[in-house]
PDB file of N, CA and C in Angstrom:
ATOM      1  N   MET A   1      -1.847  14.043   1.605  1.00  0.00           N
ATOM      2  CA  MET A   1      -0.371  13.568   1.318  1.00  0.00           C
ATOM      3  C   MET A   1      -0.287  12.083   1.826  1.00  0.00           C
ATOM      4  N   ILE A   2       0.299  11.459   0.976  1.00  0.00           N
ATOM      5  CA  ILE A   2       0.506   9.926   1.312  1.00  0.00           C
ATOM      6  C   ILE A   2       1.952   9.766   1.393  1.00  0.00           C
ATOM      7  N   ALA A   3       2.697   9.470   2.568  1.00  0.00           N
ATOM      8  CA  ALA A   3       4.069   9.252   2.738  1.00  0.00           C
ATOM      9  C   ALA A   3       4.536   7.762   3.052  1.00  0.00           C
ATOM     10  N   ILE A   4       5.319   7.193   2.268  1.00  0.00           N
ATOM     11  CA  ILE A   4       5.679   5.966   2.444  1.00  0.00           C
ATOM     12  C   ILE A   4       7.247   5.763   2.746  1.00  0.00           C
ATOM     13  N   GLU A   5       7.655   5.396   3.984  1.00  0.00           N
ATOM     14  CA  GLU A   5       8.914   5.420   4.516  1.00  0.00           C
ATOM     15  C   GLU A   5       9.522   4.056   4.677  1.00  0.00           C
ATOM     16  N   ASN A   6      10.607   3.750   3.944  1.00  0.00           N
ATOM     17  CA  ASN A   6      11.345   2.616   4.117  1.00  0.00           C
ATOM     18  C   ASN A   6      10.508   1.253   4.160  1.00  0.00           C
ATOM     19  N   LEU A   7       9.511   1.160   3.293  1.00  0.00           N
ATOM     20  CA  LEU A   7       8.574   0.050   3.217  1.00  0.00           C
ATOM     21  C   LEU A   7       9.213  -1.220   2.683  1.00  0.00           C
ATOM     22  N   THR A   8       9.059  -2.272   3.425  1.00  0.00           N
ATOM     23  CA  THR A   8       9.519  -3.678   3.091  1.00  0.00           C
ATOM     24  C   THR A   8       8.313  -4.606   3.206  1.00  0.00           C
ATOM     25  N   PHE A   9       8.234  -5.478   2.296  1.00  0.00           N
ATOM     26  CA  PHE A   9       7.102  -6.434   2.444  1.00  0.00           C
ATOM     27  C   PHE A   9       7.438  -7.684   1.652  1.00  0.00           C
ATOM     28  N   SER A  10       6.927  -8.829   2.325  1.00  0.00           N
ATOM     29  CA  SER A  10       7.022 -10.157   1.840  1.00  0.00           C
ATOM     30  C   SER A  10       5.790 -10.973   2.259  1.00  0.00           C
ATOM     31  N   TYR A  11       5.198 -11.750   1.426  1.00  0.00           N
ATOM     32  CA  TYR A  11       3.911 -12.468   1.953  1.00  0.00           C
ATOM     33  C   TYR A  11       4.191 -13.535   3.053  1.00  0.00           C
ATOM     34  N   THR A  12       5.485 -14.146   2.966  1.00  0.00           N
ATOM     35  CA  THR A  12       5.939 -15.029   3.900  1.00  0.00           C
ATOM     36  C   THR A  12       7.340 -14.707   4.295  1.00  0.00           C
ATOM     37  N   SER A  13       7.701 -15.357   5.588  1.00  0.00           N
ATOM     38  CA  SER A  13       9.122 -15.011   6.064  1.00  0.00           C
ATOM     39  C   SER A  13      10.080 -15.643   5.210  1.00  0.00           C
ATOM     40  N   SER A  14       9.808 -16.689   4.407  1.00  0.00           N
ATOM     41  CA  SER A  14      10.776 -17.505   3.632  1.00  0.00           C
ATOM     42  C   SER A  14      10.881 -17.037   2.253  1.00  0.00           C
ATOM     43  N   ALA A  15       9.874 -16.203   1.731  1.00  0.00           N
ATOM     44  CA  ALA A  15      10.007 -15.679   0.327  1.00  0.00           C
ATOM     45  C   ALA A  15      10.741 -14.412   0.239  1.00  0.00           C
ATOM     46  N   PRO A  16      11.340 -14.133  -0.939  1.00  0.00           N
ATOM     47  CA  PRO A  16      12.037 -12.924  -1.206  1.00  0.00           C
ATOM     48  C   PRO A  16      11.139 -11.730  -0.982  1.00  0.00           C
ATOM     49  N   TYR A  17      11.688 -10.587  -0.642  1.00  0.00           N
ATOM     50  CA  TYR A  17      10.900  -9.258  -0.689  1.00  0.00           C
ATOM     51  C   TYR A  17      10.216  -8.860  -1.914  1.00  0.00           C
ATOM     52  N   LEU A  18       9.029  -8.468  -2.046  1.00  0.00           N
ATOM     53  CA  LEU A  18       8.460  -8.046  -3.091  1.00  0.00           C
ATOM     54  C   LEU A  18       8.688  -6.577  -3.288  1.00  0.00           C
ATOM     55  N   ILE A  19       8.694  -5.808  -2.198  1.00  0.00           N
ATOM     56  CA  ILE A  19       9.022  -4.395  -2.070  1.00  0.00           C
ATOM     57  C   ILE A  19      10.053  -4.370  -0.817  1.00  0.00           C
ATOM     58  N   GLU A  20      11.200  -3.645  -1.166  1.00  0.00           N
ATOM     59  CA  GLU A  20      12.238  -3.584  -0.293  1.00  0.00           C
ATOM     60  C   GLU A  20      12.709  -2.030   0.000  1.00  0.00           C
ATOM     61  N   ASP A  21      12.558  -1.616   1.023  1.00  0.00           N
ATOM     62  CA  ASP A  21      13.142  -0.180   1.521  1.00  0.00           C
ATOM     63  C   ASP A  21      12.529   0.785   0.512  1.00  0.00           C
ATOM     64  N   MET A  22      11.328   0.906   0.298  1.00  0.00           N
ATOM     65  CA  MET A  22      10.898   1.938  -0.705  1.00  0.00           C
ATOM     66  C   MET A  22      10.180   3.020   0.124  1.00  0.00           C
ATOM     67  N   SER A  23      10.683   4.280  -0.466  1.00  0.00           N
ATOM     68  CA  SER A  23      10.155   5.559   0.181  1.00  0.00           C
ATOM     69  C   SER A  23       9.618   6.438  -0.933  1.00  0.00           C
ATOM     70  N   MET A  24       8.626   6.969  -0.696  1.00  0.00           N
ATOM     71  CA  MET A  24       8.022   8.163  -1.714  1.00  0.00           C
ATOM     72  C   MET A  24       6.911   8.957  -1.027  1.00  0.00           C
ATOM     73  N   VAL A  25       6.711  10.205  -1.589  1.00  0.00           N
ATOM     74  CA  VAL A  25       5.579  11.054  -1.057  1.00  0.00           C
ATOM     75  C   VAL A  25       4.701  11.367  -2.207  1.00  0.00           C
ATOM     76  N   ILE A  26       3.489  11.282  -2.008  1.00  0.00           N
ATOM     77  CA  ILE A  26       2.384  11.676  -3.030  1.00  0.00           C
ATOM     78  C   ILE A  26       1.732  12.987  -2.432  1.00  0.00           C
ATOM     79  N   PRO A  27       2.012  14.192  -2.995  1.00  0.00           N
ATOM     80  CA  PRO A  27       1.397  15.283  -2.452  1.00  0.00           C
ATOM     81  C   PRO A  27      -0.110  15.290  -2.476  1.00  0.00           C
ATOM     82  N   LYS A  28      -0.844  15.954  -1.577  1.00  0.00           N
ATOM     83  CA  LYS A  28      -2.233  16.110  -1.627  1.00  0.00           C
ATOM     84  C   LYS A  28      -2.606  16.654  -2.929  1.00  0.00           C
ATOM     85  N   GLY A  29      -3.731  15.928  -3.392  1.00  0.00           N
ATOM     86  CA  GLY A  29      -4.277  16.530  -4.865  1.00  0.00           C
ATOM     87  C   GLY A  29      -3.486  16.070  -6.087  1.00  0.00           C
ATOM     88  N   GLN A  30      -2.388  15.341  -5.937  1.00  0.00           N
ATOM     89  CA  GLN A  30      -1.577  14.708  -7.135  1.00  0.00           C
ATOM     90  C   GLN A  30      -2.210  13.420  -7.402  1.00  0.00           C
ATOM     91  N   PHE A  31      -2.463  13.160  -8.766  1.00  0.00           N
ATOM     92  CA  PHE A  31      -2.751  12.033  -9.348  1.00  0.00           C
ATOM     93  C   PHE A  31      -1.575  11.215  -9.554  1.00  0.00           C
ATOM     94  N   VAL A  32      -1.552   9.836  -9.366  1.00  0.00           N
ATOM     95  CA  VAL A  32      -0.487   8.957  -9.619  1.00  0.00           C
ATOM     96  C   VAL A  32      -0.941   7.657 -10.457  1.00  0.00           C
ATOM     97  N   SER A  33      -0.265   7.306 -11.207  1.00  0.00           N
ATOM     98  CA  SER A  33      -0.467   5.747 -11.671  1.00  0.00           C
ATOM     99  C   SER A  33       0.679   4.938 -11.243  1.00  0.00           C
ATOM    100  N   ILE A  34       0.203   3.551 -10.963  1.00  0.00           N
ATOM    101  CA  ILE A  34       1.189   2.543 -10.625  1.00  0.00           C
ATOM    102  C   ILE A  34       1.236   1.723 -11.708  1.00  0.00           C
ATOM    103  N   ILE A  35       2.189   1.620 -12.434  1.00  0.00           N
ATOM    104  CA  ILE A  35       2.384   0.814 -13.806  1.00  0.00           C
ATOM    105  C   ILE A  35       3.486  -0.183 -13.551  1.00  0.00           C
ATOM    106  N   GLY A  36       3.637  -1.336 -14.225  1.00  0.00           N
ATOM    107  CA  GLY A  36       4.687  -2.211 -14.309  1.00  0.00           C
ATOM    108  C   GLY A  36       4.086  -3.554 -14.890  1.00  0.00           C
ATOM    109  N   GLU A  37       5.093  -4.414 -15.038  1.00  0.00           N
ATOM    110  CA  GLU A  37       4.830  -5.768 -15.526  1.00  0.00           C
ATOM    111  C   GLU A  37       3.818  -6.669 -14.493  1.00  0.00           C
ATOM    112  N   ASN A  38       3.482  -7.681 -15.134  1.00  0.00           N
ATOM    113  CA  ASN A  38       2.755  -8.685 -14.204  1.00  0.00           C
ATOM    114  C   ASN A  38       3.658  -9.236 -13.160  1.00  0.00           C
ATOM    115  N   GLY A  39       3.137  -9.209 -11.860  1.00  0.00           N
ATOM    116  CA  GLY A  39       3.780  -9.712 -10.800  1.00  0.00           C
ATOM    117  C   GLY A  39       4.956  -8.957 -10.171  1.00  0.00           C
ATOM    118  N   SER A  40       4.778  -7.492 -10.591  1.00  0.00           N
ATOM    119  CA  SER A  40       5.767  -6.432 -10.093  1.00  0.00           C
ATOM    120  C   SER A  40       5.279  -5.838  -8.754  1.00  0.00           C
ATOM    121  N   ALA A  41       4.379  -6.434  -8.057  1.00  0.00           N
ATOM    122  CA  ALA A  41       3.861  -5.860  -6.822  1.00  0.00           C
ATOM    123  C   ALA A  41       2.999  -4.648  -6.813  1.00  0.00           C
ATOM    124  N   LYS A  42       2.427  -4.282  -7.891  1.00  0.00           N
ATOM    125  CA  LYS A  42       1.496  -3.114  -8.036  1.00  0.00           C
ATOM    126  C   LYS A  42       0.421  -3.218  -7.095  1.00  0.00           C
ATOM    127  N   SER A  43      -0.384  -4.271  -7.177  1.00  0.00           N
ATOM    128  CA  SER A  43      -1.509  -4.529  -6.332  1.00  0.00           C
ATOM    129  C   SER A  43      -1.184  -4.448  -4.893  1.00  0.00           C
ATOM    130  N   THR A  44      -0.107  -5.372  -4.702  1.00  0.00           N
ATOM    131  CA  THR A  44       0.489  -5.419  -3.340  1.00  0.00           C
ATOM    132  C   THR A  44       0.591  -3.999  -2.736  1.00  0.00           C
ATOM    133  N   LEU A  45       1.349  -3.043  -3.339  1.00  0.00           N
ATOM    134  CA  LEU A  45       1.603  -1.740  -3.056  1.00  0.00           C
ATOM    135  C   LEU A  45       0.386  -1.063  -2.547  1.00  0.00           C
ATOM    136  N   ILE A  46      -0.729  -1.136  -3.623  1.00  0.00           N
ATOM    137  CA  ILE A  46      -1.961  -0.554  -3.275  1.00  0.00           C
ATOM    138  C   ILE A  46      -2.487  -1.153  -1.969  1.00  0.00           C
ATOM    139  N   LYS A  47      -2.688  -2.492  -1.673  1.00  0.00           N
ATOM    140  CA  LYS A  47      -3.121  -2.976  -0.637  1.00  0.00           C
ATOM    141  C   LYS A  47      -2.388  -2.653   0.506  1.00  0.00           C
ATOM    142  N   LEU A  48      -0.979  -2.383   0.512  1.00  0.00           N
ATOM    143  CA  LEU A  48      -0.339  -1.930   1.702  1.00  0.00           C
ATOM    144  C   LEU A  48      -0.725  -0.448   1.987  1.00  0.00           C
ATOM    145  N   ILE A  49      -0.853   0.408   0.940  1.00  0.00           N
ATOM    146  CA  ILE A  49      -1.110   1.847   1.092  1.00  0.00           C
ATOM    147  C   ILE A  49      -2.694   1.981   1.985  1.00  0.00           C
ATOM    148  N   VAL A  50      -3.684   1.119   1.462  1.00  0.00           N
ATOM    149  CA  VAL A  50      -4.861   1.267   1.958  1.00  0.00           C
ATOM    150  C   VAL A  50      -5.085   0.413   3.434  1.00  0.00           C
ATOM    151  N   GLY A  51      -3.934  -0.335   3.852  1.00  0.00           N
ATOM    152  CA  GLY A  51      -4.045  -0.877   4.974  1.00  0.00           C
ATOM    153  C   GLY A  51      -4.659  -2.315   4.953  1.00  0.00           C
ATOM    154  N   LEU A  52      -4.820  -2.959   3.867  1.00  0.00           N
ATOM    155  CA  LEU A  52      -5.221  -4.252   3.721  1.00  0.00           C
ATOM    156  C   LEU A  52      -4.274  -5.304   3.991  1.00  0.00           C
ATOM    157  N   LEU A  53      -2.969  -4.846   3.862  1.00  0.00           N
ATOM    158  CA  LEU A  53      -1.665  -5.767   4.278  1.00  0.00           C
ATOM    159  C   LEU A  53      -0.857  -4.812   5.184  1.00  0.00           C
ATOM    160  N   ASN A  54      -0.196  -5.532   6.001  1.00  0.00           N
ATOM    161  CA  ASN A  54       0.826  -4.816   6.869  1.00  0.00           C
ATOM    162  C   ASN A  54       2.234  -5.122   6.362  1.00  0.00           C
ATOM    163  N   PRO A  55       3.125  -3.987   6.406  1.00  0.00           N
ATOM    164  CA  PRO A  55       4.399  -4.239   5.978  1.00  0.00           C
ATOM    165  C   PRO A  55       5.159  -4.984   6.955  1.00  0.00           C
ATOM    166  N   ILE A  56       6.379  -5.595   6.604  1.00  0.00           N
ATOM    167  CA  ILE A  56       7.394  -6.166   7.457  1.00  0.00           C
ATOM    168  C   ILE A  56       8.176  -4.951   8.266  1.00  0.00           C
ATOM    169  N   LYS A  57       8.342  -3.984   7.624  1.00  0.00           N
ATOM    170  CA  LYS A  57       9.280  -2.841   7.953  1.00  0.00           C
ATOM    171  C   LYS A  57       8.612  -1.506   7.120  1.00  0.00           C
ATOM    172  N   GLY A  58       8.810  -0.524   8.005  1.00  0.00           N
ATOM    173  CA  GLY A  58       8.518   0.888   7.358  1.00  0.00           C
ATOM    174  C   GLY A  58       7.143   1.350   7.868  1.00  0.00           C
ATOM    175  N   LYS A  59       6.693   2.379   7.298  1.00  0.00           N
ATOM    176  CA  LYS A  59       5.343   2.908   7.534  1.00  0.00           C
ATOM    177  C   LYS A  59       4.762   3.647   6.508  1.00  0.00           C
ATOM    178  N   ILE A  60       3.414   3.723   6.605  1.00  0.00           N
ATOM    179  CA  ILE A  60       2.587   4.486   5.481  1.00  0.00           C
ATOM    180  C   ILE A  60       1.734   5.400   6.347  1.00  0.00           C
ATOM    181  N   THR A  61       1.833   6.664   5.915  1.00  0.00           N
ATOM    182  CA  THR A  61       0.876   7.654   6.513  1.00  0.00           C
ATOM    183  C   THR A  61       0.122   8.465   5.477  1.00  0.00           C
ATOM    184  N   LEU A  62      -1.130   8.704   6.020  1.00  0.00           N
ATOM    185  CA  LEU A  62      -2.176   9.514   5.149  1.00  0.00           C
ATOM    186  C   LEU A  62      -2.379  10.755   6.011  1.00  0.00           C
ATOM    187  N   ASN A  63      -1.846  11.960   5.442  1.00  0.00           N
ATOM    188  CA  ASN A  63      -1.990  13.132   6.223  1.00  0.00           C
ATOM    189  C   ASN A  63      -1.541  13.094   7.649  1.00  0.00           C
ATOM    190  N   GLU A  64      -0.355  12.291   7.908  1.00  0.00           N
ATOM    191  CA  GLU A  64       0.253  12.187   8.941  1.00  0.00           C
ATOM    192  C   GLU A  64      -0.231  11.043   9.990  1.00  0.00           C
ATOM    193  N   LYS A  65      -1.274  10.484   9.493  1.00  0.00           N
ATOM    194  CA  LYS A  65      -2.045   9.515  10.318  1.00  0.00           C
ATOM    195  C   LYS A  65      -1.607   8.096   9.760  1.00  0.00           C
ATOM    196  N   SER A  66      -1.312   7.224  10.660  1.00  0.00           N
ATOM    197  CA  SER A  66      -0.776   5.744  10.318  1.00  0.00           C
ATOM    198  C   SER A  66      -1.868   5.050   9.580  1.00  0.00           C
ATOM    199  N   MET A  67      -1.443   4.418   8.515  1.00  0.00           N
ATOM    200  CA  MET A  67      -2.459   3.507   7.759  1.00  0.00           C
ATOM    201  C   MET A  67      -2.277   2.001   8.097  1.00  0.00           C
ATOM    202  N   ALA A  68      -1.755   1.790   9.232  1.00  0.00           N
ATOM    203  CA  ALA A  68      -1.696   0.292   9.792  1.00  0.00           C
ATOM    204  C   ALA A  68      -3.102  -0.132   9.886  1.00  0.00           C
ATOM    205  N   TYR A  69      -3.456  -1.394   9.552  1.00  0.00           N
ATOM    206  CA  TYR A  69      -4.859  -1.994   9.516  1.00  0.00           C
ATOM    207  C   TYR A  69      -5.544  -1.701  10.873  1.00  0.00           C
ATOM    208  N   VAL A  70      -6.598  -1.056  10.794  1.00  0.00           N
ATOM    209  CA  VAL A  70      -7.572  -0.879  11.835  1.00  0.00           C
ATOM    210  C   VAL A  70      -9.000  -1.024  11.274  1.00  0.00           C
ATOM    211  N   PRO A  71      -9.786  -2.026  11.592  1.00  0.00           N
ATOM    212  CA  PRO A  71     -11.121  -2.151  10.799  1.00  0.00           C
ATOM    213  C   PRO A  71     -11.906  -0.809  10.714  1.00  0.00           C
ATOM    214  N   GLN A  72     -12.181  -0.104  11.910  1.00  0.00           N
ATOM    215  CA  GLN A  72     -13.007   0.953  11.829  1.00  0.00           C
ATOM    216  C   GLN A  72     -12.519   2.160  10.946  1.00  0.00           C
ATOM    217  N   ARG A  73     -11.051   2.267  10.928  1.00  0.00           N
ATOM    218  CA  ARG A  73     -10.507   3.374  10.223  1.00  0.00           C
ATOM    219  C   ARG A  73     -10.706   2.988   8.744  1.00  0.00           C
ATOM    220  N   MET A  74     -10.526   1.662   8.315  1.00  0.00           N
ATOM    221  CA  MET A  74     -10.677   1.326   6.976  1.00  0.00           C
ATOM    222  C   MET A  74     -12.003   1.470   6.431  1.00  0.00           C
ATOM    223  N   GLU A  75     -12.993   1.327   7.131  1.00  0.00           N
ATOM    224  CA  GLU A  75     -14.402   1.610   6.764  1.00  0.00           C
ATOM    225  C   GLU A  75     -14.581   3.120   6.200  1.00  0.00           C
ATOM    226  N   SER A  76     -13.981   3.878   7.162  1.00  0.00           N
ATOM    227  CA  SER A  76     -13.940   5.364   6.823  1.00  0.00           C
ATOM    228  C   SER A  76     -13.176   5.845   5.585  1.00  0.00           C
ATOM    229  N   PHE A  77     -11.913   5.144   5.619  1.00  0.00           N
ATOM    230  CA  PHE A  77     -10.994   5.467   4.488  1.00  0.00           C
ATOM    231  C   PHE A  77     -11.627   4.986   3.076  1.00  0.00           C
ATOM    232  N   ASN A  78     -12.322   3.802   3.077  1.00  0.00           N
ATOM    233  CA  ASN A  78     -12.806   3.270   1.859  1.00  0.00           C
ATOM    234  C   ASN A  78     -14.085   4.037   1.371  1.00  0.00           C
ATOM    235  N   LYS A  79     -14.769   4.874   2.233  1.00  0.00           N
ATOM    236  CA  LYS A  79     -15.685   5.790   1.727  1.00  0.00           C
ATOM    237  C   LYS A  79     -15.140   6.834   0.823  1.00  0.00           C
ATOM    238  N   GLU A  80     -13.921   7.485   1.385  1.00  0.00           N
ATOM    239  CA  GLU A  80     -13.318   8.526   0.798  1.00  0.00           C
ATOM    240  C   GLU A  80     -12.433   8.269  -0.299  1.00  0.00           C
ATOM    241  N   PHE A  81     -11.876   7.101  -0.333  1.00  0.00           N
ATOM    242  CA  PHE A  81     -10.685   6.758  -1.379  1.00  0.00           C
ATOM    243  C   PHE A  81     -11.289   5.294  -1.822  1.00  0.00           C
ATOM    244  N   PRO A  82     -12.221   5.111  -2.686  1.00  0.00           N
ATOM    245  CA  PRO A  82     -12.490   3.758  -3.176  1.00  0.00           C
ATOM    246  C   PRO A  82     -11.378   3.206  -4.071  1.00  0.00           C
ATOM    247  N   ILE A  83     -11.062   1.892  -3.978  1.00  0.00           N
ATOM    248  CA  ILE A  83     -10.067   1.376  -4.852  1.00  0.00           C
ATOM    249  C   ILE A  83     -10.684   0.171  -5.461  1.00  0.00           C
ATOM    250  N   THR A  84      -9.966  -0.176  -6.620  1.00  0.00           N
ATOM    251  CA  THR A  84     -10.239  -1.343  -7.119  1.00  0.00           C
ATOM    252  C   THR A  84      -9.054  -2.149  -7.529  1.00  0.00           C
ATOM    253  N   VAL A  85      -8.934  -3.348  -7.070  1.00  0.00           N
ATOM    254  CA  VAL A  85      -7.646  -4.182  -7.225  1.00  0.00           C
ATOM    255  C   VAL A  85      -8.109  -5.296  -8.114  1.00  0.00           C
ATOM    256  N   GLU A  86      -7.225  -5.534  -9.068  1.00  0.00           N
ATOM    257  CA  GLU A  86      -7.627  -6.704 -10.050  1.00  0.00           C
ATOM    258  C   GLU A  86      -7.301  -7.967  -9.315  1.00  0.00           C
ATOM    259  N   GLU A  87      -8.148  -8.916  -9.436  1.00  0.00           N
ATOM    260  CA  GLU A  87      -7.998 -10.402  -8.872  1.00  0.00           C
ATOM    261  C   GLU A  87      -8.157 -11.292 -10.037  1.00  0.00           C
ATOM    262  N   VAL A  88      -7.439 -12.185 -10.227  1.00  0.00           N
ATOM    263  CA  VAL A  88      -7.447 -13.093 -11.452  1.00  0.00           C
ATOM    264  C   VAL A  88      -8.066 -14.362 -10.795  1.00  0.00           C
ATOM    265  N   TYR A  89      -9.152 -14.835 -11.567  1.00  0.00           N
ATOM    266  CA  TYR A  89      -9.766 -16.115 -11.289  1.00  0.00           C
ATOM    267  C   TYR A  89      -9.584 -17.071 -12.251  1.00  0.00           C
ATOM    268  N   LYS A  90      -9.301 -18.312 -11.883  1.00  0.00           N
ATOM    269  CA  LYS A  90      -9.048 -19.324 -12.772  1.00  0.00           C
ATOM    270  C   LYS A  90     -10.285 -20.467 -12.814  1.00  0.00           C
TER     271      LYS A  90
END
């Protein structure tokens, strides 16, 4: 189960929030799609869920364990849950 509680995020302290006070639960075994327009923070949300970014406020847990960034835990997590995040190159 992935639980997101009161998640708030911005890339800088002077920028507006990209995600504000978001909460949701994804039950174990359930598939989800994150869809939206360009620039709607889809990739940012995934990066927060897997611990590549830290929220300003709120918490994310995987099976009741915090997903705050810890390098050793990220290596283990990425073996079980590989992700692909789109990056645009110019």
